[in-house]
Amino acid sequence: GYIFLLMRFPFWQLLVCIGIVLIFTAWAVAKALLLYK
């Protein structure tokens, strides 16, 4: 969903904010999968 928003509304402010949140979300998913493993 974040990637869709970045493509739909390519404002630099959103690229920064949502990009940071996207990185955090990907990190959280990776940590959850590592804990599961």
Full PDB file with SEQRES, HELIX, SHEET, SSBOND, CRYST1, ORIGX, SCALE, CONECT and MASTER records, all heavy atoms in Angstrom:
SEQRES   1 A   37  GLY TYR ILE PHE LEU LEU MET ARG PHE PRO PHE TRP GLN          
SEQRES   2 A   37  LEU LEU VAL CYS ILE GLY ILE VAL LEU ILE PHE THR ALA          
SEQRES   3 A   37  TRP ALA VAL ALA LYS ALA LEU LEU LEU TYR LYS                  
HELIX    1 AA1 TYR A    2  ARG A    8  1                                   7    
HELIX    2 AA2 TRP A   12  TYR A   36  1                                  25    
CRYST1    1.000    1.000    1.000  90.00  90.00  90.00 P 1           1          
ORIGX1      1.000000  0.000000  0.000000        0.00000                         
ORIGX2      0.000000  1.000000  0.000000        0.00000                         
ORIGX3      0.000000  0.000000  1.000000        0.00000                         
SCALE1      1.000000  0.000000  0.000000        0.00000                         
SCALE2      0.000000  1.000000  0.000000        0.00000                         
SCALE3      0.000000  0.000000  1.000000        0.00000                         
ATOM      1  N   GLY A   1       0.819  -1.210   0.000  1.00  0.00           N  
ATOM      2  CA  GLY A   1       0.000   0.000   0.000  1.00  0.00           C  
ATOM      3  C   GLY A   1       0.854   1.261   0.000  1.00  0.00           C  
ATOM      4  O   GLY A   1       0.540   2.247  -0.692  1.00  0.00           O  
ATOM      5  N   TYR A   2       1.929   1.248   0.755  1.00  0.00           N  
ATOM      6  CA  TYR A   2       2.840   2.401   0.776  1.00  0.00           C  
ATOM      7  C   TYR A   2       3.472   2.629  -0.601  1.00  0.00           C  
ATOM      8  O   TYR A   2       3.600   3.775  -1.057  1.00  0.00           O  
ATOM      9  CB  TYR A   2       3.945   2.178   1.803  1.00  0.00           C  
ATOM     10  CG  TYR A   2       3.488   2.280   3.241  1.00  0.00           C  
ATOM     11  CD1 TYR A   2       4.080   1.496   4.238  1.00  0.00           C  
ATOM     12  CD2 TYR A   2       2.480   3.163   3.620  1.00  0.00           C  
ATOM     13  CE1 TYR A   2       3.668   1.588   5.564  1.00  0.00           C  
ATOM     14  CE2 TYR A   2       2.060   3.251   4.936  1.00  0.00           C  
ATOM     15  CZ  TYR A   2       2.659   2.464   5.903  1.00  0.00           C  
ATOM     16  OH  TYR A   2       2.252   2.561   7.209  1.00  0.00           O  
ATOM     17  N   ILE A   3       3.865   1.542  -1.235  1.00  0.00           N  
ATOM     18  CA  ILE A   3       4.465   1.662  -2.572  1.00  0.00           C  
ATOM     19  C   ILE A   3       3.460   2.252  -3.557  1.00  0.00           C  
ATOM     20  O   ILE A   3       3.816   3.104  -4.393  1.00  0.00           O  
ATOM     21  CB  ILE A   3       4.958   0.275  -3.055  1.00  0.00           C  
ATOM     22  CG1 ILE A   3       6.131  -0.199  -2.177  1.00  0.00           C  
ATOM     23  CG2 ILE A   3       5.388   0.335  -4.516  1.00  0.00           C  
ATOM     24  CD1 ILE A   3       6.569  -1.616  -2.441  1.00  0.00           C  
ATOM     25  N   PHE A   4       2.210   1.827  -3.441  1.00  0.00           N  
ATOM     26  CA  PHE A   4       1.159   2.391  -4.309  1.00  0.00           C  
ATOM     27  C   PHE A   4       1.015   3.893  -4.082  1.00  0.00           C  
ATOM     28  O   PHE A   4       0.897   4.677  -5.040  1.00  0.00           O  
ATOM     29  CB  PHE A   4      -0.172   1.686  -4.050  1.00  0.00           C  
ATOM     30  CG  PHE A   4      -1.344   2.343  -4.728  1.00  0.00           C  
ATOM     31  CD1 PHE A   4      -1.569   2.158  -6.077  1.00  0.00           C  
ATOM     32  CD2 PHE A   4      -2.200   3.176  -4.006  1.00  0.00           C  
ATOM     33  CE1 PHE A   4      -2.644   2.781  -6.715  1.00  0.00           C  
ATOM     34  CE2 PHE A   4      -3.265   3.800  -4.626  1.00  0.00           C  
ATOM     35  CZ  PHE A   4      -3.481   3.601  -5.990  1.00  0.00           C  
ATOM     36  N   LEU A   5       1.016   4.314  -2.808  1.00  0.00           N  
ATOM     37  CA  LEU A   5       0.886   5.742  -2.500  1.00  0.00           C  
ATOM     38  C   LEU A   5       2.059   6.542  -3.061  1.00  0.00           C  
ATOM     39  O   LEU A   5       1.878   7.647  -3.573  1.00  0.00           O  
ATOM     40  CB  LEU A   5       0.803   5.944  -0.988  1.00  0.00           C  
ATOM     41  CG  LEU A   5      -0.511   5.527  -0.310  1.00  0.00           C  
ATOM     42  CD1 LEU A   5      -0.407   5.689   1.203  1.00  0.00           C  
ATOM     43  CD2 LEU A   5      -1.680   6.343  -0.848  1.00  0.00           C  
ATOM     44  N   LEU A   6       3.254   5.980  -2.958  1.00  0.00           N  
ATOM     45  CA  LEU A   6       4.427   6.678  -3.479  1.00  0.00           C  
ATOM     46  C   LEU A   6       4.363   6.835  -4.992  1.00  0.00           C  
ATOM     47  O   LEU A   6       4.805   7.852  -5.545  1.00  0.00           O  
ATOM     48  CB  LEU A   6       5.698   5.925  -3.086  1.00  0.00           C  
ATOM     49  CG  LEU A   6       6.057   5.940  -1.587  1.00  0.00           C  
ATOM     50  CD1 LEU A   6       7.275   5.075  -1.319  1.00  0.00           C  
ATOM     51  CD2 LEU A   6       6.308   7.365  -1.114  1.00  0.00           C  
ATOM     52  N   MET A   7       3.807   5.840  -5.664  1.00  0.00           N  
ATOM     53  CA  MET A   7       3.671   5.908  -7.119  1.00  0.00           C  
ATOM     54  C   MET A   7       2.531   6.848  -7.530  1.00  0.00           C  
ATOM     55  O   MET A   7       2.623   7.549  -8.532  1.00  0.00           O  
ATOM     56  CB  MET A   7       3.426   4.512  -7.690  1.00  0.00           C  
ATOM     57  CG  MET A   7       4.594   3.550  -7.484  1.00  0.00           C  
ATOM     58  SD  MET A   7       4.231   1.861  -8.029  1.00  0.00           S  
ATOM     59  CE  MET A   7       3.944   2.123  -9.773  1.00  0.00           C  
ATOM     60  N   ARG A   8       1.485   6.853  -6.722  1.00  0.00           N  
ATOM     61  CA  ARG A   8       0.299   7.668  -7.044  1.00  0.00           C  
ATOM     62  C   ARG A   8       0.514   9.138  -6.700  1.00  0.00           C  
ATOM     63  O   ARG A   8       0.022  10.026  -7.400  1.00  0.00           O  
ATOM     64  CB  ARG A   8      -0.905   7.113  -6.262  1.00  0.00           C  
ATOM     65  CG  ARG A   8      -2.210   7.855  -6.483  1.00  0.00           C  
ATOM     66  CD  ARG A   8      -2.740   7.665  -7.885  1.00  0.00           C  
ATOM     67  NE  ARG A   8      -4.014   8.320  -8.070  1.00  0.00           N  
ATOM     68  CZ  ARG A   8      -4.192   9.637  -8.267  1.00  0.00           C  
ATOM     69  NH1 ARG A   8      -3.134  10.426  -8.348  1.00  0.00           N  
ATOM     70  NH2 ARG A   8      -5.386  10.137  -8.419  1.00  0.00           N  
ATOM     71  N   PHE A   9       1.235   9.413  -5.636  1.00  0.00           N  
ATOM     72  CA  PHE A   9       1.472  10.799  -5.195  1.00  0.00           C  
ATOM     73  C   PHE A   9       2.977  11.013  -4.999  1.00  0.00           C  
ATOM     74  O   PHE A   9       3.480  10.970  -3.868  1.00  0.00           O  
ATOM     75  CB  PHE A   9       0.730  11.073  -3.882  1.00  0.00           C  
ATOM     76  CG  PHE A   9      -0.733  10.765  -3.929  1.00  0.00           C  
ATOM     77  CD1 PHE A   9      -1.218   9.574  -3.400  1.00  0.00           C  
ATOM     78  CD2 PHE A   9      -1.628  11.649  -4.520  1.00  0.00           C  
ATOM     79  CE1 PHE A   9      -2.562   9.277  -3.438  1.00  0.00           C  
ATOM     80  CE2 PHE A   9      -2.981  11.360  -4.572  1.00  0.00           C  
ATOM     81  CZ  PHE A   9      -3.457  10.170  -4.034  1.00  0.00           C  
ATOM     82  N   PRO A  10       3.705  11.247  -6.069  1.00  0.00           N  
ATOM     83  CA  PRO A  10       5.170  11.337  -6.005  1.00  0.00           C  
ATOM     84  C   PRO A  10       5.697  12.693  -5.527  1.00  0.00           C  
ATOM     85  O   PRO A  10       6.591  13.276  -6.134  1.00  0.00           O  
ATOM     86  CB  PRO A  10       5.583  11.051  -7.446  1.00  0.00           C  
ATOM     87  CG  PRO A  10       4.453  11.604  -8.261  1.00  0.00           C  
ATOM     88  CD  PRO A  10       3.214  11.352  -7.461  1.00  0.00           C  
ATOM     89  N   PHE A  11       5.104  13.233  -4.433  1.00  0.00           N  
ATOM     90  CA  PHE A  11       5.627  14.461  -3.838  1.00  0.00           C  
ATOM     91  C   PHE A  11       6.873  14.117  -3.021  1.00  0.00           C  
ATOM     92  O   PHE A  11       6.905  13.089  -2.336  1.00  0.00           O  
ATOM     93  CB  PHE A  11       4.576  15.118  -2.947  1.00  0.00           C  
ATOM     94  CG  PHE A  11       3.282  15.437  -3.650  1.00  0.00           C  
ATOM     95  CD1 PHE A  11       2.097  14.856  -3.252  1.00  0.00           C  
ATOM     96  CD2 PHE A  11       3.272  16.320  -4.720  1.00  0.00           C  
ATOM     97  CE1 PHE A  11       0.904  15.153  -3.901  1.00  0.00           C  
ATOM     98  CE2 PHE A  11       2.080  16.627  -5.378  1.00  0.00           C  
ATOM     99  CZ  PHE A  11       0.896  16.038  -4.971  1.00  0.00           C  
ATOM    100  N   TRP A  12       7.854  14.981  -3.036  1.00  0.00           N  
ATOM    101  CA  TRP A  12       9.098  14.654  -2.353  1.00  0.00           C  
ATOM    102  C   TRP A  12       8.906  14.503  -0.847  1.00  0.00           C  
ATOM    103  O   TRP A  12       9.581  13.686  -0.195  1.00  0.00           O  
ATOM    104  CB  TRP A  12      10.173  15.706  -2.662  1.00  0.00           C  
ATOM    105  CG  TRP A  12       9.953  17.055  -2.015  1.00  0.00           C  
ATOM    106  CD1 TRP A  12       9.360  18.140  -2.570  1.00  0.00           C  
ATOM    107  CD2 TRP A  12      10.366  17.431  -0.699  1.00  0.00           C  
ATOM    108  NE1 TRP A  12       9.346  19.186  -1.686  1.00  0.00           N  
ATOM    109  CE2 TRP A  12       9.966  18.795  -0.531  1.00  0.00           C  
ATOM    110  CE3 TRP A  12      11.005  16.782   0.343  1.00  0.00           C  
ATOM    111  CZ2 TRP A  12      10.198  19.493   0.650  1.00  0.00           C  
ATOM    112  CZ3 TRP A  12      11.242  17.480   1.518  1.00  0.00           C  
ATOM    113  CH2 TRP A  12      10.848  18.820   1.673  1.00  0.00           C  
ATOM    114  N   GLN A  13       7.946  15.281  -0.294  1.00  0.00           N  
ATOM    115  CA  GLN A  13       7.692  15.161   1.142  1.00  0.00           C  
ATOM    116  C   GLN A  13       7.172  13.758   1.498  1.00  0.00           C  
ATOM    117  O   GLN A  13       7.553  13.173   2.512  1.00  0.00           O  
ATOM    118  CB  GLN A  13       6.676  16.214   1.604  1.00  0.00           C  
ATOM    119  CG  GLN A  13       7.151  17.649   1.458  1.00  0.00           C  
ATOM    120  CD  GLN A  13       6.750  18.251   0.122  1.00  0.00           C  
ATOM    121  OE1 GLN A  13       6.505  17.535  -0.866  1.00  0.00           O  
ATOM    122  NE2 GLN A  13       6.674  19.575   0.071  1.00  0.00           N  
ATOM    123  N   LEU A  14       6.310  13.240   0.645  1.00  0.00           N  
ATOM    124  CA  LEU A  14       5.769  11.896   0.881  1.00  0.00           C  
ATOM    125  C   LEU A  14       6.836  10.838   0.611  1.00  0.00           C  
ATOM    126  O   LEU A  14       6.862   9.793   1.287  1.00  0.00           O  
ATOM    127  CB  LEU A  14       4.556  11.649  -0.006  1.00  0.00           C  
ATOM    128  CG  LEU A  14       3.301  12.470   0.317  1.00  0.00           C  
ATOM    129  CD1 LEU A  14       2.152  12.056  -0.593  1.00  0.00           C  
ATOM    130  CD2 LEU A  14       2.907  12.316   1.772  1.00  0.00           C  
ATOM    131  N   LEU A  15       7.676  11.093  -0.384  1.00  0.00           N  
ATOM    132  CA  LEU A  15       8.756  10.143  -0.667  1.00  0.00           C  
ATOM    133  C   LEU A  15       9.657   9.978   0.553  1.00  0.00           C  
ATOM    134  O   LEU A  15      10.108   8.868   0.861  1.00  0.00           O  
ATOM    135  CB  LEU A  15       9.574  10.623  -1.868  1.00  0.00           C  
ATOM    136  CG  LEU A  15       8.876  10.580  -3.229  1.00  0.00           C  
ATOM    137  CD1 LEU A  15       9.763  11.212  -4.305  1.00  0.00           C  
ATOM    138  CD2 LEU A  15       8.541   9.137  -3.612  1.00  0.00           C  
ATOM    139  N   VAL A  16       9.883  11.081   1.263  1.00  0.00           N  
ATOM    140  CA  VAL A  16      10.710  11.026   2.463  1.00  0.00           C  
ATOM    141  C   VAL A  16       9.973  10.335   3.601  1.00  0.00           C  
ATOM    142  O   VAL A  16      10.462   9.354   4.191  1.00  0.00           O  
ATOM    143  CB  VAL A  16      11.147  12.442   2.898  1.00  0.00           C  
ATOM    144  CG1 VAL A  16      11.858  12.387   4.260  1.00  0.00           C  
ATOM    145  CG2 VAL A  16      12.069  13.062   1.856  1.00  0.00           C  
ATOM    146  N   CYS A  17       8.775  10.848   3.918  1.00  0.00           N  
ATOM    147  CA  CYS A  17       8.026  10.329   5.072  1.00  0.00           C  
ATOM    148  C   CYS A  17       7.588   8.879   4.885  1.00  0.00           C  
ATOM    149  O   CYS A  17       7.882   8.003   5.718  1.00  0.00           O  
ATOM    150  CB  CYS A  17       6.802  11.212   5.341  1.00  0.00           C  
ATOM    151  SG  CYS A  17       7.202  12.875   5.912  1.00  0.00           S  
ATOM    152  N   ILE A  18       6.881   8.622   3.806  1.00  0.00           N  
ATOM    153  CA  ILE A  18       6.380   7.263   3.578  1.00  0.00           C  
ATOM    154  C   ILE A  18       7.536   6.308   3.282  1.00  0.00           C  
ATOM    155  O   ILE A  18       7.488   5.131   3.635  1.00  0.00           O  
ATOM    156  CB  ILE A  18       5.340   7.258   2.436  1.00  0.00           C  
ATOM    157  CG1 ILE A  18       4.124   8.084   2.850  1.00  0.00           C  
ATOM    158  CG2 ILE A  18       4.914   5.823   2.106  1.00  0.00           C  
ATOM    159  CD1 ILE A  18       3.025   8.137   1.816  1.00  0.00           C  
ATOM    160  N   GLY A  19       8.589   6.828   2.641  1.00  0.00           N  
ATOM    161  CA  GLY A  19       9.757   5.986   2.391  1.00  0.00           C  
ATOM    162  C   GLY A  19      10.376   5.491   3.693  1.00  0.00           C  
ATOM    163  O   GLY A  19      10.747   4.319   3.813  1.00  0.00           O  
ATOM    164  N   ILE A  20      10.472   6.391   4.685  1.00  0.00           N  
ATOM    165  CA  ILE A  20      11.020   5.997   5.990  1.00  0.00           C  
ATOM    166  C   ILE A  20      10.117   4.965   6.661  1.00  0.00           C  
ATOM    167  O   ILE A  20      10.584   3.963   7.213  1.00  0.00           O  
ATOM    168  CB  ILE A  20      11.191   7.234   6.890  1.00  0.00           C  
ATOM    169  CG1 ILE A  20      12.308   8.137   6.343  1.00  0.00           C  
ATOM    170  CG2 ILE A  20      11.507   6.825   8.329  1.00  0.00           C  
ATOM    171  CD1 ILE A  20      12.451   9.454   7.071  1.00  0.00           C  
ATOM    172  N   VAL A  21       8.809   5.207   6.609  1.00  0.00           N  
ATOM    173  CA  VAL A  21       7.860   4.268   7.216  1.00  0.00           C  
ATOM    174  C   VAL A  21       7.904   2.919   6.496  1.00  0.00           C  
ATOM    175  O   VAL A  21       7.799   1.861   7.126  1.00  0.00           O  
ATOM    176  CB  VAL A  21       6.430   4.850   7.184  1.00  0.00           C  
ATOM    177  CG1 VAL A  21       5.425   3.839   7.747  1.00  0.00           C  
ATOM    178  CG2 VAL A  21       6.367   6.147   7.981  1.00  0.00           C  
ATOM    179  N   LEU A  22       8.065   2.957   5.185  1.00  0.00           N  
ATOM    180  CA  LEU A  22       8.167   1.721   4.402  1.00  0.00           C  
ATOM    181  C   LEU A  22       9.400   0.913   4.812  1.00  0.00           C  
ATOM    182  O   LEU A  22       9.319  -0.315   4.971  1.00  0.00           O  
ATOM    183  CB  LEU A  22       8.228   2.048   2.914  1.00  0.00           C  
ATOM    184  CG  LEU A  22       8.436   0.869   1.950  1.00  0.00           C  
ATOM    185  CD1 LEU A  22       7.310  -0.145   2.082  1.00  0.00           C  
ATOM    186  CD2 LEU A  22       8.540   1.380   0.505  1.00  0.00           C  
ATOM    187  N   ILE A  23      10.507   1.599   4.995  1.00  0.00           N  
ATOM    188  CA  ILE A  23      11.732   0.913   5.429  1.00  0.00           C  
ATOM    189  C   ILE A  23      11.527   0.287   6.806  1.00  0.00           C  
ATOM    190  O   ILE A  23      11.934  -0.860   7.059  1.00  0.00           O  
ATOM    191  CB  ILE A  23      12.916   1.899   5.448  1.00  0.00           C  
ATOM    192  CG1 ILE A  23      13.277   2.316   4.020  1.00  0.00           C  
ATOM    193  CG2 ILE A  23      14.129   1.274   6.139  1.00  0.00           C  
ATOM    194  CD1 ILE A  23      14.308   3.418   3.950  1.00  0.00           C  
ATOM    195  N   PHE A  24      10.879   1.025   7.709  1.00  0.00           N  
ATOM    196  CA  PHE A  24      10.599   0.495   9.045  1.00  0.00           C  
ATOM    197  C   PHE A  24       9.698  -0.736   8.965  1.00  0.00           C  
ATOM    198  O   PHE A  24       9.926  -1.732   9.660  1.00  0.00           O  
ATOM    199  CB  PHE A  24       9.925   1.569   9.903  1.00  0.00           C  
ATOM    200  CG  PHE A  24       9.297   1.020  11.164  1.00  0.00           C  
ATOM    201  CD1 PHE A  24      10.075   0.615  12.230  1.00  0.00           C  
ATOM    202  CD2 PHE A  24       7.912   0.897  11.258  1.00  0.00           C  
ATOM    203  CE1 PHE A  24       9.491   0.104  13.386  1.00  0.00           C  
ATOM    204  CE2 PHE A  24       7.324   0.391  12.407  1.00  0.00           C  
ATOM    205  CZ  PHE A  24       8.118  -0.010  13.473  1.00  0.00           C  
ATOM    206  N   THR A  25       8.673  -0.658   8.123  1.00  0.00           N  
ATOM    207  CA  THR A  25       7.746  -1.794   7.993  1.00  0.00           C  
ATOM    208  C   THR A  25       8.466  -3.024   7.456  1.00  0.00           C  
ATOM    209  O   THR A  25       8.255  -4.142   7.949  1.00  0.00           O  
ATOM    210  CB  THR A  25       6.580  -1.420   7.061  1.00  0.00           C  
ATOM    211  OG1 THR A  25       5.947  -0.230   7.542  1.00  0.00           O  
ATOM    212  CG2 THR A  25       5.555  -2.544   7.006  1.00  0.00           C  
ATOM    213  N   ALA A  26       9.323  -2.830   6.452  1.00  0.00           N  
ATOM    214  CA  ALA A  26      10.090  -3.951   5.897  1.00  0.00           C  
ATOM    215  C   ALA A  26      11.026  -4.526   6.949  1.00  0.00           C  
ATOM    216  O   ALA A  26      11.183  -5.761   7.052  1.00  0.00           O  
ATOM    217  CB  ALA A  26      10.885  -3.480   4.680  1.00  0.00           C  
ATOM    218  N   TRP A  27      11.629  -3.660   7.747  1.00  0.00           N  
ATOM    219  CA  TRP A  27      12.508  -4.118   8.829  1.00  0.00           C  
ATOM    220  C   TRP A  27      11.724  -4.920   9.861  1.00  0.00           C  
ATOM    221  O   TRP A  27      12.181  -5.972  10.327  1.00  0.00           O  
ATOM    222  CB  TRP A  27      13.165  -2.904   9.489  1.00  0.00           C  
ATOM    223  CG  TRP A  27      13.900  -3.223  10.759  1.00  0.00           C  
ATOM    224  CD1 TRP A  27      15.165  -3.709  10.885  1.00  0.00           C  
ATOM    225  CD2 TRP A  27      13.398  -3.073  12.098  1.00  0.00           C  
ATOM    226  NE1 TRP A  27      15.483  -3.872  12.211  1.00  0.00           N  
ATOM    227  CE2 TRP A  27      14.421  -3.486  12.976  1.00  0.00           C  
ATOM    228  CE3 TRP A  27      12.183  -2.626  12.622  1.00  0.00           C  
ATOM    229  CZ2 TRP A  27      14.264  -3.473  14.359  1.00  0.00           C  
ATOM    230  CZ3 TRP A  27      12.022  -2.612  14.005  1.00  0.00           C  
ATOM    231  CH2 TRP A  27      13.047  -3.027  14.849  1.00  0.00           C  
ATOM    232  N   ALA A  28      10.533  -4.431  10.214  1.00  0.00           N  
ATOM    233  CA  ALA A  28       9.700  -5.121  11.202  1.00  0.00           C  
ATOM    234  C   ALA A  28       9.285  -6.503  10.706  1.00  0.00           C  
ATOM    235  O   ALA A  28       9.265  -7.468  11.473  1.00  0.00           O  
ATOM    236  CB  ALA A  28       8.470  -4.273  11.527  1.00  0.00           C  
ATOM    237  N   VAL A  29       8.948  -6.591   9.428  1.00  0.00           N  
ATOM    238  CA  VAL A  29       8.572  -7.888   8.840  1.00  0.00           C  
ATOM    239  C   VAL A  29       9.764  -8.844   8.887  1.00  0.00           C  
ATOM    240  O   VAL A  29       9.622 -10.023   9.253  1.00  0.00           O  
ATOM    241  CB  VAL A  29       8.079  -7.718   7.395  1.00  0.00           C  
ATOM    242  CG1 VAL A  29       7.945  -9.073   6.697  1.00  0.00           C  
ATOM    243  CG2 VAL A  29       6.740  -6.988   7.372  1.00  0.00           C  
ATOM    244  N   ALA A  30      10.939  -8.339   8.530  1.00  0.00           N  
ATOM    245  CA  ALA A  30      12.143  -9.181   8.542  1.00  0.00           C  
ATOM    246  C   ALA A  30      12.447  -9.679   9.954  1.00  0.00           C  
ATOM    247  O   ALA A  30      12.777 -10.859  10.152  1.00  0.00           O  
ATOM    248  CB  ALA A  30      13.328  -8.398   7.990  1.00  0.00           C  
ATOM    249  N   LYS A  31      12.323  -8.802  10.950  1.00  0.00           N  
ATOM    250  CA  LYS A  31      12.578  -9.197  12.342  1.00  0.00           C  
ATOM    251  C   LYS A  31      11.566 -10.228  12.824  1.00  0.00           C  
ATOM    252  O   LYS A  31      11.916 -11.165  13.546  1.00  0.00           O  
ATOM    253  CB  LYS A  31      12.543  -7.966  13.242  1.00  0.00           C  
ATOM    254  CG  LYS A  31      13.663  -6.961  13.014  1.00  0.00           C  
ATOM    255  CD  LYS A  31      15.012  -7.517  13.435  1.00  0.00           C  
ATOM    256  CE  LYS A  31      15.155  -7.602  14.934  1.00  0.00           C  
ATOM    257  NZ  LYS A  31      16.509  -8.025  15.349  1.00  0.00           N  
ATOM    258  N   ALA A  32      10.304 -10.057  12.419  1.00  0.00           N  
ATOM    259  CA  ALA A  32       9.266 -11.012  12.814  1.00  0.00           C  
ATOM    260  C   ALA A  32       9.532 -12.387  12.209  1.00  0.00           C  
ATOM    261  O   ALA A  32       9.380 -13.417  12.890  1.00  0.00           O  
ATOM    262  CB  ALA A  32       7.898 -10.497  12.376  1.00  0.00           C  
ATOM    263  N   LEU A  33       9.944 -12.425  10.960  1.00  0.00           N  
ATOM    264  CA  LEU A  33      10.229 -13.701  10.303  1.00  0.00           C  
ATOM    265  C   LEU A  33      11.473 -14.370  10.902  1.00  0.00           C  
ATOM    266  O   LEU A  33      11.525 -15.600  11.031  1.00  0.00           O  
ATOM    267  CB  LEU A  33      10.411 -13.496   8.802  1.00  0.00           C  
ATOM    268  CG  LEU A  33       9.142 -13.100   8.037  1.00  0.00           C  
ATOM    269  CD1 LEU A  33       9.464 -12.814   6.576  1.00  0.00           C  
ATOM    270  CD2 LEU A  33       8.080 -14.201   8.141  1.00  0.00           C  
ATOM    271  N   LEU A  34      12.460 -13.564  11.275  1.00  0.00           N  
ATOM    272  CA  LEU A  34      13.655 -14.118  11.931  1.00  0.00           C  
ATOM    273  C   LEU A  34      13.300 -14.712  13.288  1.00  0.00           C  
ATOM    274  O   LEU A  34      13.817 -15.768  13.665  1.00  0.00           O  
ATOM    275  CB  LEU A  34      14.726 -13.035  12.087  1.00  0.00           C  
ATOM    276  CG  LEU A  34      15.462 -12.616  10.808  1.00  0.00           C  
ATOM    277  CD1 LEU A  34      16.380 -11.434  11.087  1.00  0.00           C  
ATOM    278  CD2 LEU A  34      16.271 -13.793  10.250  1.00  0.00           C  
ATOM    279  N   LEU A  35      12.417 -14.025  14.016  1.00  0.00           N  
ATOM    280  CA  LEU A  35      11.984 -14.551  15.312  1.00  0.00           C  
ATOM    281  C   LEU A  35      11.185 -15.831  15.129  1.00  0.00           C  
ATOM    282  O   LEU A  35      11.347 -16.790  15.893  1.00  0.00           O  
ATOM    283  CB  LEU A  35      11.147 -13.505  16.046  1.00  0.00           C  
ATOM    284  CG  LEU A  35      10.678 -13.883  17.455  1.00  0.00           C  
ATOM    285  CD1 LEU A  35      11.861 -14.166  18.362  1.00  0.00           C  
ATOM    286  CD2 LEU A  35       9.809 -12.774  18.043  1.00  0.00           C  
ATOM    287  N   TYR A  36      10.332 -15.863  14.110  1.00  0.00           N  
ATOM    288  CA  TYR A  36       9.569 -17.078  13.808  1.00  0.00           C  
ATOM    289  C   TYR A  36      10.507 -18.242  13.512  1.00  0.00           C  
ATOM    290  O   TYR A  36      10.315 -19.358  14.006  1.00  0.00           O  
ATOM    291  CB  TYR A  36       8.661 -16.814  12.609  1.00  0.00           C  
ATOM    292  CG  TYR A  36       7.948 -18.047  12.099  1.00  0.00           C  
ATOM    293  CD1 TYR A  36       6.777 -18.488  12.694  1.00  0.00           C  
ATOM    294  CD2 TYR A  36       8.458 -18.775  11.023  1.00  0.00           C  
ATOM    295  CE1 TYR A  36       6.121 -19.617  12.238  1.00  0.00           C  
ATOM    296  CE2 TYR A  36       7.806 -19.904  10.559  1.00  0.00           C  
ATOM    297  CZ  TYR A  36       6.646 -20.316  11.166  1.00  0.00           C  
ATOM    298  OH  TYR A  36       6.012 -21.446  10.716  1.00  0.00           O  
ATOM    299  N   LYS A  37      11.532 -17.973  12.717  1.00  0.00           N  
ATOM    300  CA  LYS A  37      12.508 -19.009  12.373  1.00  0.00           C  
ATOM    301  C   LYS A  37      13.265 -19.483  13.613  1.00  0.00           C  
ATOM    302  O   LYS A  37      13.552 -20.667  13.767  1.00  0.00           O  
ATOM    303  CB  LYS A  37      13.481 -18.475  11.326  1.00  0.00           C  
ATOM    304  CG  LYS A  37      14.477 -19.509  10.821  1.00  0.00           C  
ATOM    305  CD  LYS A  37      15.375 -18.907   9.746  1.00  0.00           C  
ATOM    306  CE  LYS A  37      16.390 -19.937   9.251  1.00  0.00           C  
ATOM    307  NZ  LYS A  37      17.289 -19.355   8.206  1.00  0.00           N  
TER     308      LYS A  37                                                      
MASTER        0    0    0    2    0    0    0    6  307    1    0    3          
END                                                                             
